[in-house]
Every structure is written in structure tokens, then in C-alpha cells.
């Protein structure tokens, strides 16, 4: 299962649908606080988060996940249109990978497959 945190409805929809079509279960959140609650509740295999969101940024979400002993193992992908290539902010927050916007669904799915190599989408991941 994957938690997606994205405050723009259209982007959240496209990311969620792309992942679901690839066989993943998705819990979508419109802000970082809601996403952190979903991560704590569902213990997902992966988190994909935007950076600029209300209430809690994606970088704050990533730091909160890394600070929690029960969650720190979960890979976090930071997807952002505001970070520059080579920018270390996401890495410094503990992100497993950065995906620069705009991105194609195929790029997203390739990154998810790379971060979850032991879980084929067909096994209900």
C-alpha cells in the first residue's frame, strides 16, 4: 500500500490512478498532517509526498516519519516542482528519492518499482 500526500486535487488524482492501475492500493491525503495520520494508521510500503502543502510540508512529513522508530523504514519519495536538480533539501530530510515535477506516470511507476523491488504489484502491495 502507498500513501500519497498532494494538495493539488488534479495531481493527486493522476498519481493515485496511475498507482492503482499498476495494481497498488493507495490512500490519498490532501495535506501533510492527514498523510502522517494515514502513515501511522496503515503502515504503508511507501509514501509519496509533495513538498509544498498546508499544515505540514512534505519535508516535515519526511522528518516526522524518520523520527518515528516504527515508521523510519518506510521509503519516502518527495515529488516537487520547487526543488532544483541536485538540491539536497529532500535528502537532508531523509527522503529515499526525489521526483521532480512535472513527471510522467511511467517515471513514477519506475521509481516505485525500484523502491519496492521485492513487492510485485500483483501481490497486493
C-alpha atoms as a PDB file:
ATOM      1  CA  UNK A   1       0.000   0.000   0.000  1.00  0.00           C
ATOM      2  CA  UNK A   2       1.146   3.536  -0.794  1.00  0.00           C
ATOM      3  CA  UNK A   3       0.231   6.803   0.938  1.00  0.00           C
ATOM      4  CA  UNK A   4       0.122   9.766  -1.450  1.00  0.00           C
ATOM      5  CA  UNK A   5       0.256  13.283   0.017  1.00  0.00           C
ATOM      6  CA  UNK A   6      -0.582  16.004  -2.507  1.00  0.00           C
ATOM      7  CA  UNK A   7      -2.616  19.163  -2.002  1.00  0.00           C
ATOM      8  CA  UNK A   8      -3.480  19.726  -5.685  1.00  0.00           C
ATOM      9  CA  UNK A   9      -6.580  17.672  -6.477  1.00  0.00           C
ATOM     10  CA  UNK A  10      -5.714  17.026 -10.128  1.00  0.00           C
ATOM     11  CA  UNK A  11      -2.150  15.881  -9.422  1.00  0.00           C
ATOM     12  CA  UNK A  12      -3.293  13.719  -6.501  1.00  0.00           C
ATOM     13  CA  UNK A  13      -5.906  12.105  -8.767  1.00  0.00           C
ATOM     14  CA  UNK A  14      -3.407  11.354 -11.551  1.00  0.00           C
ATOM     15  CA  UNK A  15      -0.845   9.902  -9.141  1.00  0.00           C
ATOM     16  CA  UNK A  16      -3.466   7.807  -7.348  1.00  0.00           C
ATOM     17  CA  UNK A  17      -4.983   6.479 -10.586  1.00  0.00           C
ATOM     18  CA  UNK A  18      -1.559   5.682 -12.063  1.00  0.00           C
ATOM     19  CA  UNK A  19      -0.590   3.684  -8.990  1.00  0.00           C
ATOM     20  CA  UNK A  20      -3.956   1.913  -8.790  1.00  0.00           C
ATOM     21  CA  UNK A  21      -3.792   0.950 -12.457  1.00  0.00           C
ATOM     22  CA  UNK A  22      -0.397  -0.592 -11.720  1.00  0.00           C
ATOM     23  CA  UNK A  23      -2.032  -2.717  -9.008  1.00  0.00           C
ATOM     24  CA  UNK A  24      -1.187  -0.760  -5.865  1.00  0.00           C
ATOM     25  CA  UNK A  25      -3.606   0.133  -3.090  1.00  0.00           C
ATOM     26  CA  UNK A  26      -3.482   3.859  -2.384  1.00  0.00           C
ATOM     27  CA  UNK A  27      -4.533   6.090   0.493  1.00  0.00           C
ATOM     28  CA  UNK A  28      -4.561   9.721  -0.639  1.00  0.00           C
ATOM     29  CA  UNK A  29      -4.196  12.759   1.623  1.00  0.00           C
ATOM     30  CA  UNK A  30      -4.501  16.457   0.788  1.00  0.00           C
ATOM     31  CA  UNK A  31      -2.011  17.686   3.395  1.00  0.00           C
ATOM     32  CA  UNK A  32       0.943  16.518   5.467  1.00  0.00           C
ATOM     33  CA  UNK A  33      -0.928  16.187   8.767  1.00  0.00           C
ATOM     34  CA  UNK A  34      -3.558  13.915   7.226  1.00  0.00           C
ATOM     35  CA  UNK A  35      -0.817  11.965   5.448  1.00  0.00           C
ATOM     36  CA  UNK A  36       1.118  11.394   8.686  1.00  0.00           C
ATOM     37  CA  UNK A  37      -2.053  10.106  10.355  1.00  0.00           C
ATOM     38  CA  UNK A  38      -2.575   7.746   7.387  1.00  0.00           C
ATOM     39  CA  UNK A  39       1.031   6.523   7.611  1.00  0.00           C
ATOM     40  CA  UNK A  40       0.626   5.813  11.320  1.00  0.00           C
ATOM     41  CA  UNK A  41      -2.673   4.025  10.763  1.00  0.00           C
ATOM     42  CA  UNK A  42      -1.859   1.986   7.643  1.00  0.00           C
ATOM     43  CA  UNK A  43       1.930   1.425   7.868  1.00  0.00           C
ATOM     44  CA  UNK A  44       2.309   1.671   4.068  1.00  0.00           C
ATOM     45  CA  UNK A  45       5.078   0.158   1.969  1.00  0.00           C
ATOM     46  CA  UNK A  46       5.876   3.582   0.502  1.00  0.00           C
ATOM     47  CA  UNK A  47       4.999   7.271   0.896  1.00  0.00           C
ATOM     48  CA  UNK A  48       4.913   9.745  -1.994  1.00  0.00           C
ATOM     49  CA  UNK A  49       4.665  13.363  -0.896  1.00  0.00           C
ATOM     50  CA  UNK A  50       4.553  16.797  -2.439  1.00  0.00           C
ATOM     51  CA  UNK A  51       6.761  19.401  -0.741  1.00  0.00           C
ATOM     52  CA  UNK A  52       4.531  22.467  -0.613  1.00  0.00           C
ATOM     53  CA  UNK A  53       1.377  21.532   1.301  1.00  0.00           C
ATOM     54  CA  UNK A  54      -0.718  23.169   4.019  1.00  0.00           C
ATOM     55  CA  UNK A  55      -0.358  22.356   7.735  1.00  0.00           C
ATOM     56  CA  UNK A  56       2.804  20.258   7.267  1.00  0.00           C
ATOM     57  CA  UNK A  57       5.180  20.299   4.302  1.00  0.00           C
ATOM     58  CA  UNK A  58       6.394  17.151   2.629  1.00  0.00           C
ATOM     59  CA  UNK A  59       9.836  17.709   4.113  1.00  0.00           C
ATOM     60  CA  UNK A  60       8.318  17.980   7.601  1.00  0.00           C
ATOM     61  CA  UNK A  61       6.320  14.811   6.887  1.00  0.00           C
ATOM     62  CA  UNK A  62       9.502  13.023   5.851  1.00  0.00           C
ATOM     63  CA  UNK A  63      11.306  14.182   9.022  1.00  0.00           C
ATOM     64  CA  UNK A  64       8.362  13.031  11.176  1.00  0.00           C
ATOM     65  CA  UNK A  65       8.443   9.580   9.556  1.00  0.00           C
ATOM     66  CA  UNK A  66      12.227   9.311  10.036  1.00  0.00           C
ATOM     67  CA  UNK A  67      11.907  10.383  13.695  1.00  0.00           C
ATOM     68  CA  UNK A  68       9.446   7.553  14.474  1.00  0.00           C
ATOM     69  CA  UNK A  69      11.113   4.210  15.224  1.00  0.00           C
ATOM     70  CA  UNK A  70       8.044   2.332  13.959  1.00  0.00           C
ATOM     71  CA  UNK A  71       7.944   4.216  10.645  1.00  0.00           C
ATOM     72  CA  UNK A  72      11.521   5.156   9.758  1.00  0.00           C
ATOM     73  CA  UNK A  73      11.995   2.090   7.499  1.00  0.00           C
ATOM     74  CA  UNK A  74       9.269   3.276   5.086  1.00  0.00           C
ATOM     75  CA  UNK A  75      10.688   4.690   1.832  1.00  0.00           C
ATOM     76  CA  UNK A  76       9.612   8.277   1.157  1.00  0.00           C
ATOM     77  CA  UNK A  77       9.551   9.829  -2.321  1.00  0.00           C
ATOM     78  CA  UNK A  78       9.474  13.625  -2.390  1.00  0.00           C
ATOM     79  CA  UNK A  79       7.764  14.913  -5.536  1.00  0.00           C
ATOM     80  CA  UNK A  80       8.254  18.606  -6.114  1.00  0.00           C
ATOM     81  CA  UNK A  81       8.191  21.340  -8.661  1.00  0.00           C
ATOM     82  CA  UNK A  82      10.028  23.712  -6.316  1.00  0.00           C
ATOM     83  CA  UNK A  83      13.212  21.710  -5.736  1.00  0.00           C
ATOM     84  CA  UNK A  84      16.075  22.081  -8.166  1.00  0.00           C
ATOM     85  CA  UNK A  85      18.097  19.152  -9.551  1.00  0.00           C
ATOM     86  CA  UNK A  86      20.867  18.438  -7.064  1.00  0.00           C
ATOM     87  CA  UNK A  87      19.062  20.285  -4.265  1.00  0.00           C
ATOM     88  CA  UNK A  88      19.842  18.471  -1.016  1.00  0.00           C
ATOM     89  CA  UNK A  89      16.743  19.529   0.955  1.00  0.00           C
ATOM     90  CA  UNK A  90      14.814  16.299   0.380  1.00  0.00           C
ATOM     91  CA  UNK A  91      17.861  14.132   1.032  1.00  0.00           C
ATOM     92  CA  UNK A  92      18.615  16.075   4.229  1.00  0.00           C
ATOM     93  CA  UNK A  93      15.033  15.454   5.394  1.00  0.00           C
ATOM     94  CA  UNK A  94      15.565  11.707   4.911  1.00  0.00           C
ATOM     95  CA  UNK A  95      13.860  11.191   1.560  1.00  0.00           C
ATOM     96  CA  UNK A  96      14.628   7.938  -0.225  1.00  0.00           C
ATOM     97  CA  UNK A  97      14.249   9.598  -3.630  1.00  0.00           C
ATOM     98  CA  UNK A  98      13.207  12.849  -5.277  1.00  0.00           C
ATOM     99  CA  UNK A  99      10.891  13.084  -8.263  1.00  0.00           C
ATOM    100  CA  UNK A 100      10.907  16.462  -9.968  1.00  0.00           C
ATOM    101  CA  UNK A 101       7.631  17.785 -11.371  1.00  0.00           C
ATOM    102  CA  UNK A 102       6.388  17.632 -13.984  1.00  0.00           C
ATOM    103  CA  UNK A 103       6.851  13.874 -14.283  1.00  0.00           C
ATOM    104  CA  UNK A 104       5.215  11.203 -16.392  1.00  0.00           C
ATOM    105  CA  UNK A 105       3.241   8.393 -14.754  1.00  0.00           C
ATOM    106  CA  UNK A 106       5.796   5.956 -16.217  1.00  0.00           C
ATOM    107  CA  UNK A 107       8.591   7.764 -14.331  1.00  0.00           C
ATOM    108  CA  UNK A 108       6.615   7.497 -11.109  1.00  0.00           C
ATOM    109  CA  UNK A 109       5.904   3.799 -11.606  1.00  0.00           C
ATOM    110  CA  UNK A 110       9.549   3.050 -12.455  1.00  0.00           C
ATOM    111  CA  UNK A 111      10.674   4.751  -9.239  1.00  0.00           C
ATOM    112  CA  UNK A 112       8.053   2.870  -7.197  1.00  0.00           C
ATOM    113  CA  UNK A 113       9.223  -0.430  -8.723  1.00  0.00           C
ATOM    114  CA  UNK A 114      12.814   0.475  -7.880  1.00  0.00           C
ATOM    115  CA  UNK A 115      11.965   1.248  -4.242  1.00  0.00           C
ATOM    116  CA  UNK A 116       9.716  -1.802  -3.809  1.00  0.00           C
ATOM    117  CA  UNK A 117      11.640  -4.459  -5.768  1.00  0.00           C
ATOM    118  CA  UNK A 118      10.532  -7.329  -3.545  1.00  0.00           C
ATOM    119  CA  UNK A 119       6.862  -6.479  -3.924  1.00  0.00           C
ATOM    120  CA  UNK A 120       5.263  -7.095  -7.269  1.00  0.00           C
ATOM    121  CA  UNK A 121       2.077  -5.090  -7.762  1.00  0.00           C
ATOM    122  CA  UNK A 122       0.232  -8.357  -8.315  1.00  0.00           C
ATOM    123  CA  UNK A 123       0.759  -9.438  -4.698  1.00  0.00           C
ATOM    124  CA  UNK A 124      -1.468  -6.625  -3.459  1.00  0.00           C
ATOM    125  CA  UNK A 125       1.328  -4.295  -2.396  1.00  0.00           C
END
